Protein backbone atom coordinates (compact mmCIF):
# COMPACT_ATOMS: atom_id res chain seq x y z
CA UNK A 1 -14.88 -11.92 -1.57
CA UNK A 2 -12.18 -11.04 -0.02
CA UNK A 3 -9.71 -7.88 -1.07
CA UNK A 4 -6.51 -8.96 -2.41
CA UNK A 5 -3.39 -7.06 -1.58
CA UNK A 6 0.85 -6.92 -2.63
CA UNK A 7 3.45 -5.73 0.03
CA UNK A 8 6.06 -4.03 -1.67
CA UNK A 9 8.75 -3.87 1.32
CA UNK A 10 12.10 -4.45 1.62
CA UNK A 11 12.44 -5.12 5.23
CA UNK A 12 11.53 -8.64 5.30
CA UNK A 13 10.32 -8.70 9.60
CA UNK A 14 8.17 -5.24 8.32
CA UNK A 15 6.39 -7.50 5.56
CA UNK A 16 6.23 -10.47 7.06
CA UNK A 17 4.77 -9.06 10.88
CA UNK A 18 2.31 -6.41 8.13
CA UNK A 19 1.19 -10.02 6.49
CA UNK A 20 0.32 -11.60 9.47
CA UNK A 21 -1.90 -8.59 10.52
CA UNK A 22 -3.41 -8.33 7.36
CA UNK A 23 -3.98 -12.35 6.50
CA UNK A 24 -5.90 -12.54 10.60
CA UNK A 25 -8.09 -10.00 9.21
CA UNK A 26 -9.23 -12.26 6.20
CA UNK A 27 -7.34 -10.44 3.30
CA UNK A 28 -5.44 -12.13 0.71
CA UNK A 29 -2.01 -11.28 0.17
CA UNK A 30 -0.69 -12.46 -2.99
CA UNK A 31 2.95 -11.33 -2.42
CA UNK A 32 5.27 -9.47 -1.01
CA UNK A 33 7.75 -7.85 -3.74
CA UNK A 34 11.11 -5.53 -2.18
CA UNK A 35 11.63 -3.48 -5.95
CA UNK A 36 10.65 -2.72 -8.47
CA UNK A 37 10.56 -5.89 -10.15
CA UNK A 38 9.35 -8.18 -7.88
CA UNK A 39 5.88 -5.59 -7.59
CA UNK A 40 5.74 -5.67 -11.52
CA UNK A 41 5.75 -9.69 -11.26
CA UNK A 42 2.51 -9.35 -9.16
CA UNK A 43 0.83 -6.39 -11.39
CA UNK A 44 -1.83 -8.47 -13.18
CA UNK A 45 -4.85 -6.86 -12.34
CA UNK A 46 -6.03 -8.89 -9.87
CA UNK A 47 -4.36 -6.66 -7.14
CA UNK A 48 -7.08 -4.13 -4.77
CA UNK A 49 -4.80 -2.28 -2.67
CA UNK A 50 -0.91 -2.28 -2.50
CA UNK A 51 1.11 -1.28 0.55
CA UNK A 52 4.36 0.55 -0.69
CA UNK A 53 7.05 1.46 0.69
CA UNK A 54 8.88 4.63 -0.79
CA UNK A 55 13.16 3.21 -0.38
CA UNK A 56 13.15 -0.39 -1.33
CA UNK A 57 16.24 -2.37 -2.29
CA UNK A 58 16.81 -0.68 -5.73
CA UNK A 59 16.32 2.62 -3.91
CA UNK A 60 13.70 5.56 -4.50
CA UNK A 61 11.41 3.13 -6.57
CA UNK A 62 8.09 3.13 -4.31
CA UNK A 63 7.12 5.85 -5.93
CA UNK A 64 7.28 4.56 -9.71
CA UNK A 65 5.57 1.63 -8.84
CA UNK A 66 2.57 2.96 -6.75
CA UNK A 67 2.21 5.09 -10.00
CA UNK A 68 2.81 2.40 -12.62
CA UNK A 69 0.14 0.35 -10.08
CA UNK A 70 -2.10 3.04 -9.95
CA UNK A 71 -2.25 4.13 -13.55
CA UNK A 72 -1.51 0.46 -15.65
CA UNK A 73 -2.91 -1.75 -13.55
CA UNK A 74 -5.79 0.13 -11.73
CA UNK A 75 -5.11 -1.12 -8.33
CA UNK A 76 -5.60 0.97 -4.97
CA UNK A 77 -1.95 2.46 -3.83
CA UNK A 78 -1.45 3.62 -0.08
CA UNK A 79 2.30 4.58 0.65
CA UNK A 80 4.02 3.24 4.05
CA UNK A 81 7.07 4.96 4.82
CA UNK A 82 8.84 6.60 8.01
CA UNK A 83 9.49 9.14 5.19
CA UNK A 84 6.21 10.79 4.13
CA UNK A 85 7.73 14.43 3.08
CA UNK A 86 9.19 12.94 0.30
CA UNK A 87 5.32 12.28 -1.54
CA UNK A 88 5.04 15.78 -1.29
CA UNK A 89 1.26 16.81 -1.81
CA UNK A 90 1.12 12.81 -3.09
CA UNK A 91 0.78 11.06 -6.63
CA UNK A 92 -1.72 11.07 -8.92
CA UNK A 93 -4.02 8.42 -8.55
CA UNK A 94 -2.71 6.99 -5.36
CA UNK A 95 -4.46 7.16 -1.72
CA UNK A 96 -2.24 8.49 1.34
CA UNK A 97 0.20 7.52 3.06
CA UNK A 98 0.43 6.09 6.54
CA UNK A 99 3.90 6.90 8.44
CA UNK A 100 6.34 4.00 9.92
CA UNK A 101 6.51 3.37 12.26
CA UNK A 102 2.56 2.18 12.47
CA UNK A 103 0.54 -0.09 14.94
CA UNK A 104 -2.19 -3.09 14.00
CA UNK A 105 -5.02 -1.00 14.37
CA UNK A 106 -3.60 2.46 12.46
CA UNK A 107 -2.66 -0.14 9.88
CA UNK A 108 -5.69 -1.84 9.59
CA UNK A 109 -8.04 0.87 9.14
CA UNK A 110 -5.93 2.43 6.83
CA UNK A 111 -6.39 -0.48 4.59
CA UNK A 112 -10.35 -0.89 5.22
CA UNK A 113 -10.31 2.92 4.07
CA UNK A 114 -8.45 2.06 1.16
CA UNK A 115 -10.69 -0.53 -0.03
CA UNK A 116 -13.79 1.18 0.66
CA UNK A 117 -12.54 4.27 -1.21
CA UNK A 118 -11.70 2.37 -3.80
CA UNK A 119 -14.57 1.16 -3.96
CA UNK A 120 -16.32 4.07 -4.24
CA UNK A 121 -18.06 3.67 -0.52
CA UNK A 122 -17.93 6.90 1.43
CA UNK A 123 -15.40 6.44 3.97
CA UNK A 124 -13.93 8.48 7.19
CA UNK A 125 -10.20 7.91 6.82
CA UNK A 126 -8.63 7.58 10.12
CA UNK A 127 -6.18 10.04 11.43
CA UNK A 128 -2.82 8.17 11.07
CA UNK A 129 -3.70 8.76 7.28
CA UNK A 130 -3.12 11.44 5.13
CA UNK A 131 -5.14 11.33 2.36
CA UNK A 132 -3.72 12.44 -1.16
CA UNK A 133 -6.29 14.84 -3.77
């Protein structure tokens, strides 16, 4: 079974590049959302992993989106941002943060790690990923 991934990113070119990279690796992209309302519209329990930017079209709503997807919808959450310091030591229930700009290999390895961790399997975090907790 292929993993279902939600991309929460307001820069459309960045979102489309992430979508392309992940689809090439066999992942199912359930959608791309640019704000809190859009992200919550996809939150139906079928998301395995959400890749969430912090500063979105509606402001600094990424942390709230990540928190809600993790706690209310049991999705794995990986933040992807140019401003990782905003997250401090992290947000409860989320996996970690990947700093933008990122490359294909870093994104792919971070997603693979996050999905393995979500399934309770042992995995070594890639160097490009800062894990929480």
